[in-house]
Amino acid sequence: MSSIAAIRAQRQSIPLPTTSFAGQTIIVTGSNTGLGLEAARHFVRLDAARVILAVRSVKKGEDAKASIEASTNRKNIIEVWQVDMSNYDSIKAFATKCYSLDRLDVVVANAGVLRNTYEESEGTEITITKVKGNNSTNIKASDNKLCADNWKAKFLERHESSIFEAFKKDKKSYLADRYNTSKLLEVLLVRSVSEAMEKGSHAAEPVILNNVNPGLCHSELDKDVKGPAGYVLTIAKALIARTTEVGGRTLVHSAAAGGESHGQYMSECKVKEPSAFVRSKEGSIAQERVHKELMDILETIQPGITKNI
């Protein structure tokens, strides 16, 4: 996608979601702030029966709950559950708790980080750990969401013998592209996991898995970016960023999307083609490698988890 096309996309109007979520149970991770908070607010406004704010800080989650209740005037809808998407034990405990739910209709996996310095969590650079975490939750997911800039990713790690081992290397050329690569990985994995689900689904009802690009939005995503890159982002956001509330709309629209969105990339509330690389033969090979490597990793984290796909 060219810079001009990206700016045009940013200028497109994002409609206010109107689909009713009456009777539904919805989980939104990373929902104490930013797009996750605004998406949760929309779900409550749209008559969801139960909205679970899955957050690292319970205190911040309770503050978010109070904010949503005050703005929607709906009480006894929101619950705050603790989960740290960069900690595997926390994710497993959270997933176990999710199994106690009598129903689960939507999961908005909105837990990403944007860094330009190297930091590890669970033995892997933290941006990639978050990608693993979103794929190891092992609960029925209607949406897997982050700002998916898969068009700009160079994904140099694919030239290494092990892609996920390469993510552990603190190389400037890798780290400068890490956020874009993480978004590309999500596009590839949503495609590969959805294909695997179609071949061996054990679900009583069809599960829709899609990936949404909210575009450039005002949020706290870039709060840890250091140096000149941080100033560039600040200027770009001042010029063309969508409001946090409008960004939250895209997540809700994706949650309401039908089967046509399964395995697909969504942007501006529509199913769109991902980058040329994703659609290429080289992209297909990389997708297969990423899928196999991640499934092997997830089996070491939680034996038997991949049988549920």
Protein backbone atom coordinates (compact mmCIF):
# COMPACT_ATOMS: atom_id res chain seq x y z
CA MET A 1 0.00 0.00 0.00
CA SER A 2 1.43 3.39 -1.02
CA SER A 3 1.66 6.29 1.42
CA ILE A 4 -1.04 8.13 -0.56
CA ALA A 5 -3.35 5.11 -0.39
CA ALA A 6 -2.72 4.82 3.35
CA ILE A 7 -3.63 8.46 3.91
CA ARG A 8 -6.78 8.05 1.81
CA ALA A 9 -7.73 5.03 3.92
CA GLN A 10 -7.22 7.09 7.08
CA ARG A 11 -9.64 9.70 5.71
CA GLN A 12 -12.43 7.20 5.13
CA SER A 13 -15.44 7.50 7.40
CA ILE A 14 -15.89 4.68 9.92
CA PRO A 15 -19.59 4.13 10.69
CA LEU A 16 -20.90 3.86 14.21
CA PRO A 17 -21.60 0.15 14.88
CA THR A 18 -25.29 -0.67 15.33
CA THR A 19 -25.36 -4.48 15.48
CA SER A 20 -27.00 -5.74 18.65
CA PHE A 21 -24.95 -8.03 20.89
CA ALA A 22 -27.94 -8.78 23.12
CA GLY A 23 -27.49 -11.92 25.18
CA GLN A 24 -23.83 -12.30 24.23
CA THR A 25 -20.73 -12.76 26.38
CA ILE A 26 -17.73 -10.83 25.14
CA ILE A 27 -14.08 -10.72 26.19
CA VAL A 28 -11.84 -7.79 25.30
CA THR A 29 -8.17 -8.02 26.22
CA GLY A 30 -6.17 -4.85 26.81
CA SER A 31 -9.43 -3.08 27.59
CA ASN A 32 -8.47 -0.70 30.37
CA THR A 33 -7.30 1.90 27.84
CA GLY A 34 -7.18 2.81 24.17
CA LEU A 35 -9.04 0.94 21.44
CA GLY A 36 -9.86 -1.97 23.73
CA LEU A 37 -11.59 0.33 26.21
CA GLU A 38 -13.62 2.05 23.48
CA ALA A 39 -14.57 -1.28 21.89
CA ALA A 40 -15.77 -2.56 25.28
CA ARG A 41 -17.77 0.65 25.71
CA HIS A 42 -19.48 0.02 22.35
CA PHE A 43 -20.27 -3.59 23.26
CA VAL A 44 -21.97 -2.47 26.47
CA ARG A 45 -23.85 0.24 24.58
CA LEU A 46 -24.99 -2.40 22.06
CA ASP A 47 -26.73 -4.48 24.74
CA ALA A 48 -24.13 -7.19 25.40
CA ALA A 49 -25.20 -9.29 28.38
CA ARG A 50 -21.69 -9.75 29.79
CA VAL A 51 -18.48 -7.91 28.92
CA ILE A 52 -15.24 -9.15 30.46
CA LEU A 53 -12.39 -6.67 30.62
CA ALA A 54 -9.27 -8.85 30.46
CA VAL A 55 -6.49 -6.64 31.81
CA ARG A 56 -3.06 -6.86 33.40
CA SER A 57 -3.92 -4.35 36.15
CA VAL A 58 -7.17 -5.04 38.00
CA LYS A 59 -7.13 -1.52 39.43
CA LYS A 60 -6.99 0.02 35.96
CA GLY A 61 -9.65 -2.44 34.84
CA GLU A 62 -11.95 -1.30 37.63
CA ASP A 63 -11.37 2.32 36.62
CA ALA A 64 -12.27 1.41 33.03
CA LYS A 65 -15.39 -0.38 34.25
CA ALA A 66 -16.51 2.74 36.15
CA SER A 67 -15.92 4.89 33.08
CA ILE A 68 -18.00 2.62 30.83
CA GLU A 69 -20.82 2.33 33.35
CA ALA A 70 -20.96 6.10 33.73
CA SER A 71 -21.10 6.73 29.97
CA THR A 72 -23.59 3.95 29.09
CA ASN A 73 -25.68 3.95 32.26
CA ARG A 74 -25.63 0.13 32.23
CA LYS A 75 -24.69 -1.63 35.48
CA ASN A 76 -23.88 -5.25 36.36
CA ILE A 77 -22.68 -6.02 32.83
CA ILE A 78 -18.92 -5.66 33.17
CA GLU A 79 -16.49 -7.97 34.93
CA VAL A 80 -12.76 -7.40 35.37
CA TRP A 81 -10.49 -10.45 34.94
CA GLN A 82 -6.73 -10.37 35.32
CA VAL A 83 -4.46 -11.66 32.54
CA ASP A 84 -0.95 -10.80 31.41
CA MET A 85 -0.65 -11.66 27.71
CA SER A 86 3.15 -11.75 27.96
CA ASN A 87 3.10 -14.44 30.68
CA TYR A 88 2.18 -17.97 29.68
CA ASP A 89 1.09 -19.12 33.14
CA SER A 90 -1.22 -16.12 33.40
CA ILE A 91 -2.72 -16.92 29.98
CA LYS A 92 -3.30 -20.56 30.91
CA ALA A 93 -4.99 -19.59 34.17
CA PHE A 94 -7.16 -17.13 32.26
CA ALA A 95 -8.12 -19.75 29.65
CA THR A 96 -9.06 -22.20 32.41
CA LYS A 97 -11.34 -19.57 33.92
CA CYS A 98 -12.90 -18.96 30.49
CA TYR A 99 -13.94 -22.62 30.34
CA SER A 100 -16.24 -21.95 33.28
CA LEU A 101 -18.36 -19.60 31.16
CA ASP A 102 -21.70 -20.98 30.04
CA ARG A 103 -21.19 -19.23 26.69
CA LEU A 104 -18.58 -17.16 24.90
CA ASP A 105 -19.54 -15.30 21.74
CA VAL A 106 -16.72 -12.87 20.96
CA VAL A 107 -13.06 -12.53 21.90
CA VAL A 108 -11.26 -9.35 20.89
CA ALA A 109 -7.56 -10.17 21.32
CA ASN A 110 -6.30 -6.60 21.60
CA ALA A 111 -2.96 -6.80 23.38
CA GLY A 112 -0.02 -5.46 21.42
CA VAL A 113 3.12 -3.47 22.07
CA LEU A 114 5.20 -1.14 19.92
CA ARG A 115 8.85 -0.95 20.89
CA ASN A 116 12.05 0.05 19.12
CA THR A 117 14.31 -1.29 21.86
CA TYR A 118 14.88 -4.95 22.70
CA GLU A 119 13.03 -6.43 25.68
CA GLU A 120 12.42 -10.10 26.41
CA SER A 121 9.48 -11.88 27.97
CA GLU A 122 9.23 -15.68 28.27
CA GLY A 123 12.56 -16.00 26.44
CA THR A 124 11.44 -14.12 23.32
CA GLU A 125 11.36 -10.46 22.27
CA ILE A 126 8.19 -9.10 23.87
CA THR A 127 6.41 -8.05 20.65
CA ILE A 128 6.54 -11.66 19.43
CA THR A 129 5.65 -13.04 22.86
CA LYS A 130 2.39 -11.09 22.59
CA VAL A 131 1.71 -12.74 19.20
CA LYS A 132 2.28 -16.16 20.77
CA GLY A 133 0.05 -15.22 23.69
CA ASN A 134 -2.83 -14.25 21.43
CA ASN A 135 -2.57 -17.62 19.73
CA SER A 136 -2.22 -19.72 22.88
CA THR A 137 -5.28 -18.47 24.76
CA ASN A 138 -7.15 -21.56 23.49
CA ILE A 139 -10.65 -20.09 23.62
CA LYS A 140 -13.19 -19.54 20.87
CA ALA A 141 -12.17 -16.32 19.14
CA SER A 142 -14.23 -14.21 16.80
CA ASP A 143 -11.51 -11.64 16.34
CA ASN A 144 -7.77 -11.28 16.57
CA LYS A 145 -7.01 -7.60 16.45
CA LEU A 146 -4.14 -5.20 16.37
CA CYS A 147 -3.03 -2.44 14.03
CA ALA A 148 -1.98 -4.75 11.20
CA ASP A 149 0.49 -2.90 8.99
CA ASN A 150 1.42 -6.02 7.02
CA TRP A 151 2.24 -3.95 3.90
CA LYS A 152 5.47 -2.48 5.25
CA ALA A 153 7.01 -5.57 6.83
CA LYS A 154 10.34 -6.76 5.44
CA PHE A 155 10.23 -9.93 7.58
CA LEU A 156 13.95 -10.64 7.19
CA GLU A 157 13.73 -13.35 9.85
CA ARG A 158 12.15 -15.69 7.28
CA HIS A 159 15.60 -16.18 5.73
CA GLU A 160 16.86 -17.82 8.95
CA SER A 161 16.69 -21.57 9.54
CA SER A 162 14.26 -21.00 12.44
CA ILE A 163 12.00 -17.97 12.25
CA PHE A 164 11.06 -17.87 15.93
CA GLU A 165 14.67 -18.35 17.04
CA ALA A 166 15.57 -15.37 14.85
CA PHE A 167 13.08 -13.27 16.82
CA LYS A 168 15.34 -13.71 19.82
CA LYS A 169 18.23 -11.96 18.08
CA ASP A 170 18.81 -8.33 19.01
CA LYS A 171 19.66 -7.13 15.50
CA LYS A 172 18.96 -3.54 14.43
CA SER A 173 17.61 -4.59 11.04
CA TYR A 174 15.21 -7.01 12.72
CA LEU A 175 14.11 -4.78 15.57
CA ALA A 176 13.42 -1.75 13.36
CA ASP A 177 10.91 -3.88 11.47
CA ARG A 178 9.63 -5.89 14.43
CA TYR A 179 6.24 -4.22 14.89
CA ASN A 180 5.35 -4.46 11.19
CA THR A 181 6.56 -8.05 11.16
CA SER A 182 4.42 -8.90 14.18
CA LYS A 183 1.37 -7.57 12.33
CA LEU A 184 2.31 -9.60 9.25
CA LEU A 185 2.61 -12.69 11.47
CA GLU A 186 -0.92 -12.14 12.73
CA VAL A 187 -2.24 -11.94 9.17
CA LEU A 188 -0.40 -15.14 8.25
CA LEU A 189 -1.53 -16.98 11.38
CA VAL A 190 -5.17 -15.95 11.09
CA ARG A 191 -5.08 -17.37 7.55
CA SER A 192 -3.31 -20.59 8.53
CA VAL A 193 -5.26 -21.25 11.73
CA SER A 194 -8.59 -20.63 10.00
CA GLU A 195 -7.60 -23.11 7.27
CA ALA A 196 -6.65 -25.68 9.91
CA MET A 197 -9.96 -25.09 11.70
CA GLU A 198 -11.89 -25.79 8.50
CA LYS A 199 -10.07 -29.08 7.97
CA GLY A 200 -10.43 -30.44 11.49
CA SER A 201 -12.94 -28.35 13.40
CA HIS A 202 -14.28 -29.88 16.61
CA ALA A 203 -16.49 -26.90 17.41
CA ALA A 204 -20.23 -27.44 17.82
CA GLU A 205 -20.76 -24.14 16.01
CA PRO A 206 -18.64 -22.45 13.32
CA VAL A 207 -15.97 -20.19 14.78
CA ILE A 208 -15.07 -17.04 12.87
CA LEU A 209 -11.47 -15.85 13.15
CA ASN A 210 -10.49 -12.61 11.46
CA ASN A 211 -7.88 -9.88 11.65
CA VAL A 212 -8.62 -6.17 11.68
CA ASN A 213 -6.54 -3.11 10.89
CA PRO A 214 -7.92 -0.15 12.87
CA GLY A 215 -5.50 2.18 11.09
CA LEU A 216 -3.41 4.82 12.81
CA CYS A 217 -5.29 5.85 15.95
CA HIS A 218 -4.73 7.94 19.05
CA SER A 219 -3.79 5.42 21.75
CA GLU A 220 -1.00 4.54 24.16
CA LEU A 221 0.45 1.91 21.81
CA ASP A 222 3.56 3.96 21.03
CA LYS A 223 4.26 5.19 24.57
CA ASP A 224 7.48 3.13 24.79
CA VAL A 225 8.96 4.21 21.45
CA LYS A 226 12.30 5.93 21.99
CA GLY A 227 14.17 8.57 19.99
CA PRO A 228 13.28 10.21 16.64
CA ALA A 229 10.76 7.50 15.76
CA GLY A 230 8.62 8.64 18.65
CA TYR A 231 8.57 12.23 17.35
CA VAL A 232 7.64 11.06 13.84
CA LEU A 233 4.73 9.05 15.23
CA THR A 234 3.56 12.00 17.31
CA ILE A 235 3.48 14.23 14.23
CA ALA A 236 1.74 11.58 12.10
CA LYS A 237 -0.91 11.06 14.77
CA ALA A 238 -1.50 14.80 15.04
CA LEU A 239 -2.07 15.02 11.28
CA ILE A 240 -4.08 11.93 10.32
CA ALA A 241 -4.82 9.64 13.28
CA ARG A 242 -8.35 8.50 13.97
CA THR A 243 -9.74 9.13 17.42
CA THR A 244 -9.55 6.29 19.90
CA GLU A 245 -13.33 5.93 19.84
CA VAL A 246 -13.41 5.65 16.03
CA GLY A 247 -10.62 3.08 16.17
CA GLY A 248 -12.70 1.09 18.64
CA ARG A 249 -15.53 1.02 16.13
CA THR A 250 -13.44 -1.07 13.73
CA LEU A 251 -12.98 -3.78 16.36
CA VAL A 252 -16.71 -3.96 17.00
CA HIS A 253 -17.56 -4.10 13.28
CA SER A 254 -15.14 -6.99 12.91
CA ALA A 255 -16.75 -8.79 15.85
CA ALA A 256 -20.10 -8.52 14.06
CA ALA A 257 -18.75 -9.69 10.69
CA GLY A 258 -20.13 -12.91 9.24
CA GLY A 259 -18.54 -16.01 7.77
CA GLU A 260 -17.22 -14.09 4.78
CA SER A 261 -14.60 -12.62 7.12
CA HIS A 262 -13.25 -15.98 8.35
CA GLY A 263 -9.50 -16.06 7.88
CA GLN A 264 -9.59 -12.65 6.27
CA TYR A 265 -7.93 -9.26 6.73
CA MET A 266 -10.31 -6.38 7.46
CA SER A 267 -9.68 -2.66 7.10
CA GLU A 268 -12.12 0.26 7.08
CA CYS A 269 -14.77 -2.24 8.24
CA LYS A 270 -14.49 -4.29 5.03
CA VAL A 271 -12.78 -7.50 4.00
CA LYS A 272 -9.74 -6.50 1.96
CA GLU A 273 -6.78 -8.19 0.34
CA PRO A 274 -3.65 -8.37 2.49
CA SER A 275 -0.23 -7.39 1.14
CA ALA A 276 1.18 -8.77 -2.11
CA PHE A 277 3.71 -10.77 -0.08
CA VAL A 278 0.96 -12.58 1.84
CA ARG A 279 -0.67 -13.54 -1.47
CA SER A 280 2.59 -14.64 -3.12
CA LYS A 281 4.17 -18.10 -3.32
CA GLU A 282 6.94 -16.91 -1.01
CA GLY A 283 4.33 -15.68 1.43
CA SER A 284 2.56 -19.04 1.33
CA ILE A 285 5.81 -20.84 2.16
CA ALA A 286 6.52 -18.42 5.00
CA GLN A 287 2.95 -18.87 6.29
CA GLU A 288 3.38 -22.66 6.40
CA ARG A 289 6.69 -22.35 8.24
CA VAL A 290 5.35 -19.84 10.77
CA HIS A 291 2.31 -22.02 11.44
CA LYS A 292 4.32 -25.21 11.99
CA GLU A 293 6.91 -23.52 14.19
CA LEU A 294 4.28 -21.82 16.33
CA MET A 295 2.23 -25.00 16.74
CA ASP A 296 5.36 -26.79 17.98
CA ILE A 297 6.06 -23.94 20.41
CA LEU A 298 2.47 -23.90 21.70
CA GLU A 299 2.69 -27.64 22.35
CA THR A 300 5.67 -27.03 24.63
CA ILE A 301 3.73 -24.31 26.47
CA GLN A 302 0.49 -26.32 26.77
CA PRO A 303 0.67 -29.95 25.58
CA GLY A 304 -2.37 -30.94 23.55
CA ILE A 305 -3.52 -27.42 22.78
CA THR A 306 -3.20 -27.76 19.00
CA LYS A 307 -5.68 -30.66 18.97
CA ASN A 308 -8.41 -28.09 19.59
CA ILE A 309 -7.85 -26.43 16.21
